[in-house]
Amino acid sequence: MATKLFVGNLSFNTTPGDLESLFGQAGGVASVNIISDKFSGQSRGFGFVEMASQAEAQTAIERFHGYELQGRALTVNEAKPQAPRGGGGRSFGDGNDRGGRARR
């Protein structure tokens, strides 16, 4: 089963091909995703690499955590599940007219 790795401290010039080539040295790469700013399109300096197996992921962590790529020491560890975003609180405007004005 594939294992997703977090890769941080990337140069803004790093491409998915760069990461695929590097992590391919540790085993099969299932996917590469570099996170970019939704407005500017510029890299946010981190991404995710999905390795084909847990063993290959562990090899990649041991081999590339602290590895210097394009002048930056990489941070590589197993990705944590994404926490749910928003939606937990009570919303305003729930349909009740309690604003203090008279209904007519």
Protein backbone atom coordinates (compact mmCIF):
# COMPACT_ATOMS: atom_id res chain seq x y z
CA MET A 1 0.00 0.00 0.00
CA ALA A 2 1.23 3.49 -0.88
CA THR A 3 2.53 5.81 1.85
CA LYS A 4 2.36 9.60 1.57
CA LEU A 5 5.37 11.65 2.68
CA PHE A 6 5.49 15.34 3.57
CA VAL A 7 8.45 17.12 1.96
CA GLY A 8 9.18 20.57 3.36
CA ASN A 9 11.72 23.38 2.95
CA LEU A 10 11.63 23.13 -0.84
CA SER A 11 13.15 25.78 -3.05
CA PHE A 12 10.47 27.75 -4.90
CA ASN A 13 12.13 26.50 -8.10
CA THR A 14 11.71 22.79 -7.32
CA THR A 15 9.51 20.97 -9.84
CA PRO A 16 7.49 17.76 -9.46
CA GLY A 17 10.00 16.17 -11.85
CA ASP A 18 12.86 17.07 -9.50
CA LEU A 19 11.14 15.32 -6.60
CA GLU A 20 10.12 12.31 -8.68
CA SER A 21 13.69 11.86 -9.87
CA LEU A 22 15.13 12.22 -6.35
CA PHE A 23 12.63 10.01 -4.52
CA GLY A 24 12.74 7.45 -7.34
CA GLN A 25 16.21 6.58 -6.04
CA ALA A 26 14.53 5.15 -2.91
CA GLY A 27 11.82 3.15 -4.72
CA GLY A 28 8.61 3.47 -6.67
CA VAL A 29 6.99 6.91 -6.70
CA ALA A 30 3.18 6.76 -7.05
CA SER A 31 2.58 10.53 -7.16
CA VAL A 32 4.16 13.94 -6.52
CA ASN A 33 2.26 17.10 -5.58
CA ILE A 34 3.92 20.46 -4.85
CA ILE A 35 1.54 22.84 -3.10
CA SER A 36 1.21 26.28 -4.68
CA ASP A 37 -0.46 29.53 -3.70
CA LYS A 38 -3.94 29.66 -5.23
CA PHE A 39 -3.62 33.33 -6.17
CA SER A 40 -0.03 33.72 -7.38
CA GLY A 41 0.61 30.12 -8.45
CA GLN A 42 4.03 30.23 -6.73
CA SER A 43 5.20 27.22 -4.76
CA ARG A 44 4.53 27.39 -1.02
CA GLY A 45 7.77 25.51 -0.32
CA PHE A 46 6.33 22.11 0.52
CA GLY A 47 4.70 19.15 -1.13
CA PHE A 48 3.85 15.48 -0.91
CA VAL A 49 5.42 12.40 -2.44
CA GLU A 50 3.53 9.12 -2.37
CA MET A 51 5.82 6.10 -2.29
CA ALA A 52 4.66 2.69 -3.54
CA SER A 53 5.23 0.89 -0.22
CA GLN A 54 5.82 1.55 3.47
CA ALA A 55 9.34 0.11 3.22
CA GLU A 56 10.24 2.44 0.33
CA ALA A 57 8.77 5.39 2.21
CA GLN A 58 10.92 4.58 5.25
CA THR A 59 14.00 4.33 3.03
CA ALA A 60 13.18 7.74 1.51
CA ILE A 61 12.77 9.32 4.96
CA GLU A 62 16.11 7.94 6.16
CA ARG A 63 17.87 8.92 2.96
CA PHE A 64 16.42 12.36 2.23
CA HIS A 65 15.55 13.97 5.59
CA GLY A 66 18.22 16.70 5.82
CA TYR A 67 19.31 16.08 2.21
CA GLU A 68 20.33 19.29 0.44
CA LEU A 69 18.33 19.94 -2.73
CA GLN A 70 18.86 23.22 -4.61
CA GLY A 71 20.57 24.75 -1.58
CA ARG A 72 17.86 23.78 0.94
CA ALA A 73 17.96 20.99 3.57
CA LEU A 74 14.78 18.97 3.05
CA THR A 75 12.36 17.98 5.79
CA VAL A 76 10.92 14.55 5.02
CA ASN A 77 8.50 12.63 7.22
CA GLU A 78 5.32 10.61 6.98
CA ALA A 79 2.36 12.86 6.18
CA LYS A 80 -0.29 13.21 8.86
CA PRO A 81 -3.97 13.00 7.88
CA GLN A 82 -5.43 16.41 7.04
CA ALA A 83 -7.57 17.86 9.83
CA PRO A 84 -11.14 18.73 8.86
CA ARG A 85 -11.58 22.38 7.99
CA GLY A 86 -14.30 24.73 9.21
CA GLY A 87 -17.97 23.91 9.50
CA GLY A 88 -17.97 23.17 13.23
CA GLY A 89 -19.63 26.27 14.68
CA ARG A 90 -23.09 27.75 14.57
CA SER A 91 -23.76 29.89 11.56
CA PHE A 92 -25.34 33.29 11.56
CA GLY A 93 -28.54 33.85 9.69
CA ASP A 94 -30.21 30.60 10.66
CA GLY A 95 -33.56 31.77 9.34
CA ASN A 96 -34.98 33.15 12.58
CA ASP A 97 -35.83 36.86 12.59
CA ARG A 98 -34.63 37.92 16.03
CA GLY A 99 -33.20 41.25 15.05
CA GLY A 100 -35.54 43.32 17.17
CA ARG A 101 -37.54 44.81 14.34
CA ALA A 102 -41.28 44.43 14.00
CA ARG A 103 -42.63 42.02 11.42
CA ARG A 104 -45.34 43.28 9.12
